Amino acid sequence: MATICELNNTPEIDYPLFWSYRVIGSGDIRDKIEKVVASKEHKINFSKFSSGGKYISFEVSVFVKNENERVEIFNALKSIAKFVL
């Protein structure tokens, strides 16, 4: 569960937990996502196509043990996708 710490406005996250990322990309982005999270417990669910059909988005839920792992996965996804939210 994540809450905002009142002192410094950073999220206070209780690890371990499943963390969700929204990944937006094109082409074989699902295969690339799978390679990034293959060694972790995860779920990848189709979300939608962009209105023009150029991009596709997925909801990616990954079991993370700590902040470093969460950020590491975010950065790895960011390196293969157009956007990661």
PDB file of N, CA and C in Angstrom:
ATOM      1  N   MET A   1       0.841  -1.176   0.000  1.00  0.00           N
ATOM      2  CA  MET A   1       0.000   0.000   0.000  1.00  0.00           C
ATOM      3  C   MET A   1       0.887   1.240   0.000  1.00  0.00           C
ATOM      4  N   ALA A   2       0.534   2.230  -0.789  1.00  0.00           N
ATOM      5  CA  ALA A   2       1.318   3.451  -0.875  1.00  0.00           C
ATOM      6  C   ALA A   2       0.519   4.619  -0.309  1.00  0.00           C
ATOM      7  N   THR A   3       1.174   5.454   0.479  1.00  0.00           N
ATOM      8  CA  THR A   3       0.592   6.691   0.983  1.00  0.00           C
ATOM      9  C   THR A   3       1.632   7.788   0.799  1.00  0.00           C
ATOM     10  N   ILE A   4       1.205   9.020   0.875  1.00  0.00           N
ATOM     11  CA  ILE A   4       2.138  10.142   0.732  1.00  0.00           C
ATOM     12  C   ILE A   4       2.639  10.544   2.116  1.00  0.00           C
ATOM     13  N   CYS A   5       3.941  10.573   2.255  1.00  0.00           N
ATOM     14  CA  CYS A   5       4.558  11.025   3.499  1.00  0.00           C
ATOM     15  C   CYS A   5       4.383  12.540   3.584  1.00  0.00           C
ATOM     16  N   GLU A   6       3.778  13.025   4.651  1.00  0.00           N
ATOM     17  CA  GLU A   6       3.486  14.448   4.783  1.00  0.00           C
ATOM     18  C   GLU A   6       4.735  15.315   4.885  1.00  0.00           C
ATOM     19  N   LEU A   7       5.835  14.768   5.326  1.00  0.00           N
ATOM     20  CA  LEU A   7       7.031  15.577   5.523  1.00  0.00           C
ATOM     21  C   LEU A   7       7.725  15.962   4.226  1.00  0.00           C
ATOM     22  N   ASN A   8       7.806  15.045   3.273  1.00  0.00           N
ATOM     23  CA  ASN A   8       8.555  15.359   2.052  1.00  0.00           C
ATOM     24  C   ASN A   8       7.802  15.014   0.770  1.00  0.00           C
ATOM     25  N   ASN A   9       6.498  14.745   0.846  1.00  0.00           N
ATOM     26  CA  ASN A   9       5.653  14.461  -0.314  1.00  0.00           C
ATOM     27  C   ASN A   9       6.151  13.318  -1.187  1.00  0.00           C
ATOM     28  N   THR A  10       6.823  12.367  -0.604  1.00  0.00           N
ATOM     29  CA  THR A  10       7.239  11.180  -1.347  1.00  0.00           C
ATOM     30  C   THR A  10       6.338  10.023  -0.942  1.00  0.00           C
ATOM     31  N   PRO A  11       6.114   9.086  -1.845  1.00  0.00           N
ATOM     32  CA  PRO A  11       5.250   7.965  -1.472  1.00  0.00           C
ATOM     33  C   PRO A  11       5.894   7.089  -0.407  1.00  0.00           C
ATOM     34  N   GLU A  12       5.096   6.664   0.533  1.00  0.00           N
ATOM     35  CA  GLU A  12       5.542   5.723   1.557  1.00  0.00           C
ATOM     36  C   GLU A  12       4.973   4.367   1.144  1.00  0.00           C
ATOM     37  N   ILE A  13       5.823   3.467   0.703  1.00  0.00           N
ATOM     38  CA  ILE A  13       5.390   2.203   0.114  1.00  0.00           C
ATOM     39  C   ILE A  13       5.829   1.051   1.008  1.00  0.00           C
ATOM     40  N   ASP A  14       4.893   0.162   1.292  1.00  0.00           N
ATOM     41  CA  ASP A  14       5.186  -1.025   2.101  1.00  0.00           C
ATOM     42  C   ASP A  14       5.525  -2.187   1.176  1.00  0.00           C
ATOM     43  N   TYR A  15       6.790  -2.550   1.131  1.00  0.00           N
ATOM     44  CA  TYR A  15       7.268  -3.657   0.293  1.00  0.00           C
ATOM     45  C   TYR A  15       7.291  -4.942   1.097  1.00  0.00           C
ATOM     46  N   PRO A  16       7.223  -6.089   0.432  1.00  0.00           N
ATOM     47  CA  PRO A  16       7.042  -6.333  -1.000  1.00  0.00           C
ATOM     48  C   PRO A  16       5.571  -6.169  -1.391  1.00  0.00           C
ATOM     49  N   LEU A  17       5.351  -5.948  -2.696  1.00  0.00           N
ATOM     50  CA  LEU A  17       4.005  -5.777  -3.223  1.00  0.00           C
ATOM     51  C   LEU A  17       4.010  -5.897  -4.742  1.00  0.00           C
ATOM     52  N   PHE A  18       2.808  -5.991  -5.322  1.00  0.00           N
ATOM     53  CA  PHE A  18       2.677  -5.922  -6.776  1.00  0.00           C
ATOM     54  C   PHE A  18       2.578  -4.454  -7.155  1.00  0.00           C
ATOM     55  N   TRP A  19       3.421  -4.009  -8.085  1.00  0.00           N
ATOM     56  CA  TRP A  19       3.419  -2.629  -8.545  1.00  0.00           C
ATOM     57  C   TRP A  19       2.976  -2.623 -10.001  1.00  0.00           C
ATOM     58  N   SER A  20       2.094  -1.689 -10.350  1.00  0.00           N
ATOM     59  CA  SER A  20       1.574  -1.627 -11.717  1.00  0.00           C
ATOM     60  C   SER A  20       2.216  -0.502 -12.507  1.00  0.00           C
ATOM     61  N   TYR A  21       2.545  -0.826 -13.736  1.00  0.00           N
ATOM     62  CA  TYR A  21       3.085   0.133 -14.694  1.00  0.00           C
ATOM     63  C   TYR A  21       2.159   0.130 -15.902  1.00  0.00           C
ATOM     64  N   ARG A  22       1.948   1.286 -16.518  1.00  0.00           N
ATOM     65  CA  ARG A  22       1.257   1.366 -17.798  1.00  0.00           C
ATOM     66  C   ARG A  22       2.356   1.583 -18.828  1.00  0.00           C
ATOM     67  N   VAL A  23       2.458   0.677 -19.793  1.00  0.00           N
ATOM     68  CA  VAL A  23       3.521   0.733 -20.796  1.00  0.00           C
ATOM     69  C   VAL A  23       2.888   0.965 -22.161  1.00  0.00           C
ATOM     70  N   ILE A  24       3.366   1.991 -22.862  1.00  0.00           N
ATOM     71  CA  ILE A  24       2.839   2.358 -24.173  1.00  0.00           C
ATOM     72  C   ILE A  24       3.966   2.268 -25.184  1.00  0.00           C
ATOM     73  N   GLY A  25       3.715   1.535 -26.252  1.00  0.00           N
ATOM     74  CA  GLY A  25       4.732   1.366 -27.281  1.00  0.00           C
ATOM     75  C   GLY A  25       4.112   0.921 -28.586  1.00  0.00           C
ATOM     76  N   SER A  26       4.940   0.421 -29.479  1.00  0.00           N
ATOM     77  CA  SER A  26       4.459  -0.037 -30.778  1.00  0.00           C
ATOM     78  C   SER A  26       5.168  -1.329 -31.160  1.00  0.00           C
ATOM     79  N   GLY A  27       4.688  -1.928 -32.231  1.00  0.00           N
ATOM     80  CA  GLY A  27       5.334  -3.133 -32.747  1.00  0.00           C
ATOM     81  C   GLY A  27       5.280  -4.285 -31.769  1.00  0.00           C
ATOM     82  N   ASP A  28       6.443  -4.870 -31.511  1.00  0.00           N
ATOM     83  CA  ASP A  28       6.533  -6.057 -30.651  1.00  0.00           C
ATOM     84  C   ASP A  28       6.760  -5.695 -29.177  1.00  0.00           C
ATOM     85  N   ILE A  29       6.129  -4.625 -28.718  1.00  0.00           N
ATOM     86  CA  ILE A  29       6.357  -4.135 -27.356  1.00  0.00           C
ATOM     87  C   ILE A  29       6.007  -5.182 -26.297  1.00  0.00           C
ATOM     88  N   ARG A  30       4.987  -6.011 -26.546  1.00  0.00           N
ATOM     89  CA  ARG A  30       4.629  -7.025 -25.545  1.00  0.00           C
ATOM     90  C   ARG A  30       5.779  -8.005 -25.341  1.00  0.00           C
ATOM     91  N   ASP A  31       6.419  -8.429 -26.417  1.00  0.00           N
ATOM     92  CA  ASP A  31       7.562  -9.343 -26.306  1.00  0.00           C
ATOM     93  C   ASP A  31       8.713  -8.695 -25.538  1.00  0.00           C
ATOM     94  N   LYS A  32       8.924  -7.407 -25.785  1.00  0.00           N
ATOM     95  CA  LYS A  32       9.993  -6.688 -25.083  1.00  0.00           C
ATOM     96  C   LYS A  32       9.684  -6.559 -23.591  1.00  0.00           C
ATOM     97  N   ILE A  33       8.422  -6.291 -23.268  1.00  0.00           N
ATOM     98  CA  ILE A  33       8.014  -6.218 -21.862  1.00  0.00           C
ATOM     99  C   ILE A  33       8.267  -7.558 -21.188  1.00  0.00           C
ATOM    100  N   GLU A  34       7.880  -8.627 -21.866  1.00  0.00           N
ATOM    101  CA  GLU A  34       8.052  -9.978 -21.312  1.00  0.00           C
ATOM    102  C   GLU A  34       9.518 -10.254 -20.988  1.00  0.00           C
ATOM    103  N   LYS A  35      10.424  -9.814 -21.846  1.00  0.00           N
ATOM    104  CA  LYS A  35      11.854 -10.028 -21.592  1.00  0.00           C
ATOM    105  C   LYS A  35      12.319  -9.270 -20.349  1.00  0.00           C
ATOM    106  N   VAL A  36      11.793  -8.062 -20.148  1.00  0.00           N
ATOM    107  CA  VAL A  36      12.189  -7.252 -18.988  1.00  0.00           C
ATOM    108  C   VAL A  36      11.744  -7.892 -17.677  1.00  0.00           C
ATOM    109  N   VAL A  37      10.535  -8.438 -17.651  1.00  0.00           N
ATOM    110  CA  VAL A  37       9.972  -8.929 -16.388  1.00  0.00           C
ATOM    111  C   VAL A  37       9.971 -10.453 -16.261  1.00  0.00           C
ATOM    112  N   ALA A  38      10.586 -11.143 -17.195  1.00  0.00           N
ATOM    113  CA  ALA A  38      10.521 -12.613 -17.247  1.00  0.00           C
ATOM    114  C   ALA A  38      10.958 -13.290 -15.954  1.00  0.00           C
ATOM    115  N   SER A  39      11.940 -12.754 -15.274  1.00  0.00           N
ATOM    116  CA  SER A  39      12.458 -13.408 -14.064  1.00  0.00           C
ATOM    117  C   SER A  39      11.663 -13.050 -12.805  1.00  0.00           C
ATOM    118  N   LYS A  40      10.652 -12.200 -12.950  1.00  0.00           N
ATOM    119  CA  LYS A  40       9.841 -11.758 -11.809  1.00  0.00           C
ATOM    120  C   LYS A  40       8.433 -12.342 -11.916  1.00  0.00           C
ATOM    121  N   GLU A  41       7.751 -12.434 -10.788  1.00  0.00           N
ATOM    122  CA  GLU A  41       6.336 -12.786 -10.818  1.00  0.00           C
ATOM    123  C   GLU A  41       5.597 -11.587 -11.410  1.00  0.00           C
ATOM    124  N   HIS A  42       4.802 -11.816 -12.470  1.00  0.00           N
ATOM    125  CA  HIS A  42       4.193 -10.690 -13.174  1.00  0.00           C
ATOM    126  C   HIS A  42       2.926 -11.094 -13.916  1.00  0.00           C
ATOM    127  N   LYS A  43       2.180 -10.067 -14.331  1.00  0.00           N
ATOM    128  CA  LYS A  43       1.029 -10.209 -15.223  1.00  0.00           C
ATOM    129  C   LYS A  43       1.124  -9.089 -16.239  1.00  0.00           C
ATOM    130  N   ILE A  44       0.835  -9.419 -17.500  1.00  0.00           N
ATOM    131  CA  ILE A  44       0.809  -8.418 -18.560  1.00  0.00           C
ATOM    132  C   ILE A  44      -0.574  -8.484 -19.190  1.00  0.00           C
ATOM    133  N   ASN A  45      -1.318  -7.386 -19.113  1.00  0.00           N
ATOM    134  CA  ASN A  45      -2.666  -7.342 -19.669  1.00  0.00           C
ATOM    135  C   ASN A  45      -2.769  -6.247 -20.716  1.00  0.00           C
ATOM    136  N   PHE A  46      -3.349  -6.603 -21.868  1.00  0.00           N
ATOM    137  CA  PHE A  46      -3.621  -5.616 -22.904  1.00  0.00           C
ATOM    138  C   PHE A  46      -4.534  -4.544 -22.334  1.00  0.00           C
ATOM    139  N   SER A  47      -4.260  -3.282 -22.670  1.00  0.00           N
ATOM    140  CA  SER A  47      -5.111  -2.188 -22.221  1.00  0.00           C
ATOM    141  C   SER A  47      -5.916  -1.642 -23.397  1.00  0.00           C
ATOM    142  N   LYS A  48      -5.224  -1.028 -24.386  1.00  0.00           N
ATOM    143  CA  LYS A  48      -5.946  -0.508 -25.551  1.00  0.00           C
ATOM    144  C   LYS A  48      -4.983  -0.090 -26.650  1.00  0.00           C
ATOM    145  N   PHE A  49      -5.548   0.139 -27.830  1.00  0.00           N
ATOM    146  CA  PHE A  49      -4.815   0.719 -28.945  1.00  0.00           C
ATOM    147  C   PHE A  49      -5.056   2.221 -28.940  1.00  0.00           C
ATOM    148  N   SER A  50      -4.099   2.991 -29.438  1.00  0.00           N
ATOM    149  CA  SER A  50      -4.299   4.430 -29.584  1.00  0.00           C
ATOM    150  C   SER A  50      -5.369   4.669 -30.645  1.00  0.00           C
ATOM    151  N   SER A  51      -5.922   5.867 -30.671  1.00  0.00           N
ATOM    152  CA  SER A  51      -7.004   6.163 -31.618  1.00  0.00           C
ATOM    153  C   SER A  51      -6.568   5.969 -33.064  1.00  0.00           C
ATOM    154  N   GLY A  52      -5.319   6.233 -33.368  1.00  0.00           N
ATOM    155  CA  GLY A  52      -4.812   6.037 -34.727  1.00  0.00           C
ATOM    156  C   GLY A  52      -4.282   4.636 -34.981  1.00  0.00           C
ATOM    157  N   GLY A  53      -4.209   3.828 -33.937  1.00  0.00           N
ATOM    158  CA  GLY A  53      -3.747   2.454 -34.073  1.00  0.00           C
ATOM    159  C   GLY A  53      -2.236   2.287 -34.111  1.00  0.00           C
ATOM    160  N   LYS A  54      -1.502   3.382 -33.947  1.00  0.00           N
ATOM    161  CA  LYS A  54      -0.040   3.303 -34.019  1.00  0.00           C
ATOM    162  C   LYS A  54       0.566   2.715 -32.742  1.00  0.00           C
ATOM    163  N   TYR A  55      -0.048   3.007 -31.607  1.00  0.00           N
ATOM    164  CA  TYR A  55       0.491   2.574 -30.320  1.00  0.00           C
ATOM    165  C   TYR A  55      -0.453   1.598 -29.627  1.00  0.00           C
ATOM    166  N   ILE A  56       0.119   0.803 -28.749  1.00  0.00           N
ATOM    167  CA  ILE A  56      -0.633  -0.157 -27.953  1.00  0.00           C
ATOM    168  C   ILE A  56      -0.171  -0.008 -26.508  1.00  0.00           C
ATOM    169  N   SER A  57      -1.110  -0.160 -25.575  1.00  0.00           N
ATOM    170  CA  SER A  57      -0.714  -0.037 -24.170  1.00  0.00           C
ATOM    171  C   SER A  57      -1.054  -1.312 -23.406  1.00  0.00           C
ATOM    172  N   PHE A  58      -0.226  -1.565 -22.394  1.00  0.00           N
ATOM    173  CA  PHE A  58      -0.385  -2.727 -21.533  1.00  0.00           C
ATOM    174  C   PHE A  58      -0.301  -2.293 -20.081  1.00  0.00           C
ATOM    175  N   GLU A  59      -1.064  -2.965 -19.242  1.00  0.00           N
ATOM    176  CA  GLU A  59      -0.952  -2.821 -17.796  1.00  0.00           C
ATOM    177  C   GLU A  59      -0.033  -3.954 -17.342  1.00  0.00           C
ATOM    178  N   VAL A  60       1.086  -3.601 -16.720  1.00  0.00           N
ATOM    179  CA  VAL A  60       2.080  -4.588 -16.303  1.00  0.00           C
ATOM    180  C   VAL A  60       2.167  -4.552 -14.783  1.00  0.00           C
ATOM    181  N   SER A  61       1.853  -5.669 -14.161  1.00  0.00           N
ATOM    182  CA  SER A  61       1.905  -5.777 -12.706  1.00  0.00           C
ATOM    183  C   SER A  61       3.059  -6.712 -12.344  1.00  0.00           C
ATOM    184  N   VAL A  62       3.984  -6.203 -11.521  1.00  0.00           N
ATOM    185  CA  VAL A  62       5.195  -6.952 -11.188  1.00  0.00           C
ATOM    186  C   VAL A  62       5.371  -6.981  -9.669  1.00  0.00           C
ATOM    187  N   PHE A  63       5.714  -8.150  -9.145  1.00  0.00           N
ATOM    188  CA  PHE A  63       5.989  -8.274  -7.715  1.00  0.00           C
ATOM    189  C   PHE A  63       7.387  -7.726  -7.451  1.00  0.00           C
ATOM    190  N   VAL A  64       7.462  -6.647  -6.673  1.00  0.00           N
ATOM    191  CA  VAL A  64       8.751  -6.022  -6.366  1.00  0.00           C
ATOM    192  C   VAL A  64       9.036  -6.129  -4.870  1.00  0.00           C
ATOM    193  N   LYS A  65      10.305  -6.310  -4.561  1.00  0.00           N
ATOM    194  CA  LYS A  65      10.716  -6.518  -3.170  1.00  0.00           C
ATOM    195  C   LYS A  65      11.116  -5.234  -2.463  1.00  0.00           C
ATOM    196  N   ASN A  66      11.547  -4.217  -3.244  1.00  0.00           N
ATOM    197  CA  ASN A  66      12.021  -2.981  -2.625  1.00  0.00           C
ATOM    198  C   ASN A  66      12.018  -1.845  -3.645  1.00  0.00           C
ATOM    199  N   GLU A  67      12.320  -0.647  -3.168  1.00  0.00           N
ATOM    200  CA  GLU A  67      12.333   0.560  -4.001  1.00  0.00           C
ATOM    201  C   GLU A  67      13.313   0.440  -5.162  1.00  0.00           C
ATOM    202  N   ASN A  68      14.510  -0.056  -4.899  1.00  0.00           N
ATOM    203  CA  ASN A  68      15.513  -0.182  -5.957  1.00  0.00           C
ATOM    204  C   ASN A  68      15.022  -1.072  -7.089  1.00  0.00           C
ATOM    205  N   GLU A  69      14.401  -2.191  -6.743  1.00  0.00           N
ATOM    206  CA  GLU A  69      13.885  -3.102  -7.762  1.00  0.00           C
ATOM    207  C   GLU A  69      12.758  -2.440  -8.560  1.00  0.00           C
ATOM    208  N   ARG A  70      11.874  -1.714  -7.886  1.00  0.00           N
ATOM    209  CA  ARG A  70      10.770  -1.016  -8.554  1.00  0.00           C
ATOM    210  C   ARG A  70      11.296  -0.002  -9.564  1.00  0.00           C
ATOM    211  N   VAL A  71      12.275   0.785  -9.167  1.00  0.00           N
ATOM    212  CA  VAL A  71      12.852   1.801 -10.045  1.00  0.00           C
ATOM    213  C   VAL A  71      13.651   1.155 -11.177  1.00  0.00           C
ATOM    214  N   GLU A  72      14.359   0.082 -10.878  1.00  0.00           N
ATOM    215  CA  GLU A  72      15.130  -0.635 -11.896  1.00  0.00           C
ATOM    216  C   GLU A  72      14.211  -1.163 -13.004  1.00  0.00           C
ATOM    217  N   ILE A  73      13.079  -1.730 -12.622  1.00  0.00           N
ATOM    218  CA  ILE A  73      12.123  -2.230 -13.611  1.00  0.00           C
ATOM    219  C   ILE A  73      11.543  -1.071 -14.413  1.00  0.00           C
ATOM    220  N   PHE A  74      11.203   0.025 -13.739  1.00  0.00           N
ATOM    221  CA  PHE A  74      10.699   1.207 -14.435  1.00  0.00           C
ATOM    222  C   PHE A  74      11.696   1.671 -15.495  1.00  0.00           C
ATOM    223  N   ASN A  75      12.963   1.786 -15.131  1.00  0.00           N
ATOM    224  CA  ASN A  75      13.982   2.243 -16.074  1.00  0.00           C
ATOM    225  C   ASN A  75      14.168   1.272 -17.234  1.00  0.00           C
ATOM    226  N   ALA A  76      14.099  -0.022 -16.962  1.00  0.00           N
ATOM    227  CA  ALA A  76      14.218  -1.019 -18.027  1.00  0.00           C
ATOM    228  C   ALA A  76      13.033  -0.917 -18.984  1.00  0.00           C
ATOM    229  N   LEU A  77      11.833  -0.735 -18.452  1.00  0.00           N
ATOM    230  CA  LEU A  77      10.652  -0.575 -19.309  1.00  0.00           C
ATOM    231  C   LEU A  77      10.736   0.718 -20.110  1.00  0.00           C
ATOM    232  N   LYS A  78      11.218   1.777 -19.472  1.00  0.00           N
ATOM    233  CA  LYS A  78      11.359   3.071 -20.142  1.00  0.00           C
ATOM    234  C   LYS A  78      12.307   2.980 -21.336  1.00  0.00           C
ATOM    235  N   SER A  79      13.306   2.113 -21.248  1.00  0.00           N
ATOM    236  CA  SER A  79      14.288   1.990 -22.333  1.00  0.00           C
ATOM    237  C   SER A  79      13.725   1.278 -23.563  1.00  0.00           C
ATOM    238  N   ILE A  80      12.591   0.581 -23.427  1.00  0.00           N
ATOM    239  CA  ILE A  80      12.027  -0.158 -24.561  1.00  0.00           C
ATOM    240  C   ILE A  80      10.708   0.414 -25.055  1.00  0.00           C
ATOM    241  N   ALA A  81      10.120   1.359 -24.316  1.00  0.00           N
ATOM    242  CA  ALA A  81       8.776   1.841 -24.620  1.00  0.00           C
ATOM    243  C   ALA A  81       8.772   3.325 -24.961  1.00  0.00           C
ATOM    244  N   LYS A  82       7.684   3.764 -25.580  1.00  0.00           N
ATOM    245  CA  LYS A  82       7.488   5.184 -25.859  1.00  0.00           C
ATOM    246  C   LYS A  82       7.224   5.940 -24.549  1.00  0.00           C
ATOM    247  N   PHE A  83       6.339   5.369 -23.711  1.00  0.00           N
ATOM    248  CA  PHE A  83       6.002   5.961 -22.415  1.00  0.00           C
ATOM    249  C   PHE A  83       5.831   4.866 -21.369  1.00  0.00           C
ATOM    250  N   VAL A  84       6.170   5.183 -20.116  1.00  0.00           N
ATOM    251  CA  VAL A  84       5.879   4.307 -18.982  1.00  0.00           C
ATOM    252  C   VAL A  84       5.276   5.185 -17.894  1.00  0.00           C
ATOM    253  N   LEU A  85       4.125   4.795 -17.414  1.00  0.00           N
ATOM    254  CA  LEU A  85       3.439   5.550 -16.364  1.00  0.00           C
ATOM    255  C   LEU A  85       3.320   4.693 -15.123  1.00  0.00           C
TER     256      LEU A  85
END
